Amino acid sequence: MSDSASQAREDWYQEAAKSQIQGERMNRAELLNGRVAMLGFLIGLLTEVITGHGIASQISFGLFGQG
């Protein structure tokens, strides 16, 4: 096999590995994003149950000091 053919094959393997690693990282990032979103929703829901104020009321109270 010539040097150019082996180099082309090596480049292909490197690109394939890079693509696979990027895909795995994207999957992990999306999994983390989903978990954080669920946690945020749960915290908002618990805060609403504890305080009796809805989400909009919680936000306006935090921004404007009103309830």
C-alpha atoms as a PDB file:
ATOM      1  CA  MET A   1       0.000   0.000   0.000  1.00  0.00           C
ATOM      2  CA  SER A   2       1.340   3.428  -0.865  1.00  0.00           C
ATOM      3  CA  ASP A   3       1.908   6.207   1.633  1.00  0.00           C
ATOM      4  CA  SER A   4      -0.885   8.352   0.219  1.00  0.00           C
ATOM      5  CA  ALA A   5      -3.389   5.491   0.484  1.00  0.00           C
ATOM      6  CA  SER A   6      -2.405   4.697   4.067  1.00  0.00           C
ATOM      7  CA  GLN A   7      -2.552   8.405   4.948  1.00  0.00           C
ATOM      8  CA  ALA A   8      -6.025   8.676   3.399  1.00  0.00           C
ATOM      9  CA  ARG A   9      -7.126   5.626   5.383  1.00  0.00           C
ATOM     10  CA  GLU A  10      -5.671   7.083   8.586  1.00  0.00           C
ATOM     11  CA  ASP A  11      -7.435  10.401   7.928  1.00  0.00           C
ATOM     12  CA  TRP A  12     -10.717   8.552   7.412  1.00  0.00           C
ATOM     13  CA  TYR A  13     -10.322   6.708  10.710  1.00  0.00           C
ATOM     14  CA  GLN A  14      -9.520   9.947  12.510  1.00  0.00           C
ATOM     15  CA  GLU A  15     -12.603  11.678  11.069  1.00  0.00           C
ATOM     16  CA  ALA A  16     -14.820   8.705  11.951  1.00  0.00           C
ATOM     17  CA  ALA A  17     -13.524   8.675  15.534  1.00  0.00           C
ATOM     18  CA  LYS A  18     -13.953  12.441  15.833  1.00  0.00           C
ATOM     19  CA  SER A  19     -17.534  12.204  14.601  1.00  0.00           C
ATOM     20  CA  GLN A  20     -18.345   9.410  17.053  1.00  0.00           C
ATOM     21  CA  ILE A  21     -16.854  11.317  19.997  1.00  0.00           C
ATOM     22  CA  GLN A  22     -18.807  14.461  19.094  1.00  0.00           C
ATOM     23  CA  GLY A  23     -22.023  12.428  18.902  1.00  0.00           C
ATOM     24  CA  GLU A  24     -21.419  10.901  22.318  1.00  0.00           C
ATOM     25  CA  ARG A  25     -20.692  14.315  23.817  1.00  0.00           C
ATOM     26  CA  MET A  26     -23.893  15.707  22.307  1.00  0.00           C
ATOM     27  CA  ASN A  27     -25.911  12.840  23.784  1.00  0.00           C
ATOM     28  CA  ARG A  28     -24.440  13.444  27.245  1.00  0.00           C
ATOM     29  CA  ALA A  29     -25.044  17.196  26.979  1.00  0.00           C
ATOM     30  CA  GLU A  30     -28.688  16.658  26.001  1.00  0.00           C
ATOM     31  CA  LEU A  31     -29.160  14.197  28.860  1.00  0.00           C
ATOM     32  CA  LEU A  32     -27.749  16.716  31.333  1.00  0.00           C
ATOM     33  CA  ASN A  33     -29.893  19.495  29.853  1.00  0.00           C
ATOM     34  CA  GLY A  34     -33.036  17.401  30.283  1.00  0.00           C
ATOM     35  CA  ARG A  35     -32.185  16.538  33.866  1.00  0.00           C
ATOM     36  CA  VAL A  36     -31.522  20.178  34.757  1.00  0.00           C
ATOM     37  CA  ALA A  37     -34.810  21.198  33.137  1.00  0.00           C
ATOM     38  CA  MET A  38     -36.703  18.593  35.169  1.00  0.00           C
ATOM     39  CA  LEU A  39     -34.983  19.774  38.334  1.00  0.00           C
ATOM     40  CA  GLY A  40     -35.879  23.401  37.593  1.00  0.00           C
ATOM     41  CA  PHE A  41     -39.498  22.449  36.972  1.00  0.00           C
ATOM     42  CA  LEU A  42     -39.632  20.510  40.239  1.00  0.00           C
ATOM     43  CA  ILE A  43     -38.132  23.406  42.195  1.00  0.00           C
ATOM     44  CA  GLY A  44     -40.642  25.828  40.655  1.00  0.00           C
ATOM     45  CA  LEU A  45     -43.514  23.489  41.457  1.00  0.00           C
ATOM     46  CA  LEU A  46     -42.389  22.958  45.040  1.00  0.00           C
ATOM     47  CA  THR A  47     -41.932  26.695  45.532  1.00  0.00           C
ATOM     48  CA  GLU A  48     -45.449  27.254  44.234  1.00  0.00           C
ATOM     49  CA  VAL A  49     -46.858  24.653  46.634  1.00  0.00           C
ATOM     50  CA  ILE A  50     -44.951  26.061  49.613  1.00  0.00           C
ATOM     51  CA  THR A  51     -45.608  29.779  48.980  1.00  0.00           C
ATOM     52  CA  GLY A  52     -48.998  29.601  47.308  1.00  0.00           C
ATOM     53  CA  HIS A  53     -47.799  31.958  44.560  1.00  0.00           C
ATOM     54  CA  GLY A  54     -47.703  30.980  40.906  1.00  0.00           C
ATOM     55  CA  ILE A  55     -44.620  31.181  38.710  1.00  0.00           C
ATOM     56  CA  ALA A  56     -45.511  34.655  37.374  1.00  0.00           C
ATOM     57  CA  SER A  57     -46.080  35.904  40.898  1.00  0.00           C
ATOM     58  CA  GLN A  58     -42.743  34.453  42.028  1.00  0.00           C
ATOM     59  CA  ILE A  59     -40.923  36.186  39.199  1.00  0.00           C
ATOM     60  CA  SER A  60     -42.618  39.548  39.747  1.00  0.00           C
ATOM     61  CA  PHE A  61     -41.971  39.333  43.493  1.00  0.00           C
ATOM     62  CA  GLY A  62     -38.298  38.659  42.863  1.00  0.00           C
ATOM     63  CA  LEU A  63     -37.945  41.473  40.330  1.00  0.00           C
ATOM     64  CA  PHE A  64     -40.157  44.154  41.836  1.00  0.00           C
ATOM     65  CA  GLY A  65     -40.480  43.191  45.501  1.00  0.00           C
ATOM     66  CA  GLN A  66     -44.207  42.789  45.110  1.00  0.00           C
ATOM     67  CA  GLY A  67     -46.388  39.800  45.887  1.00  0.00           C
END
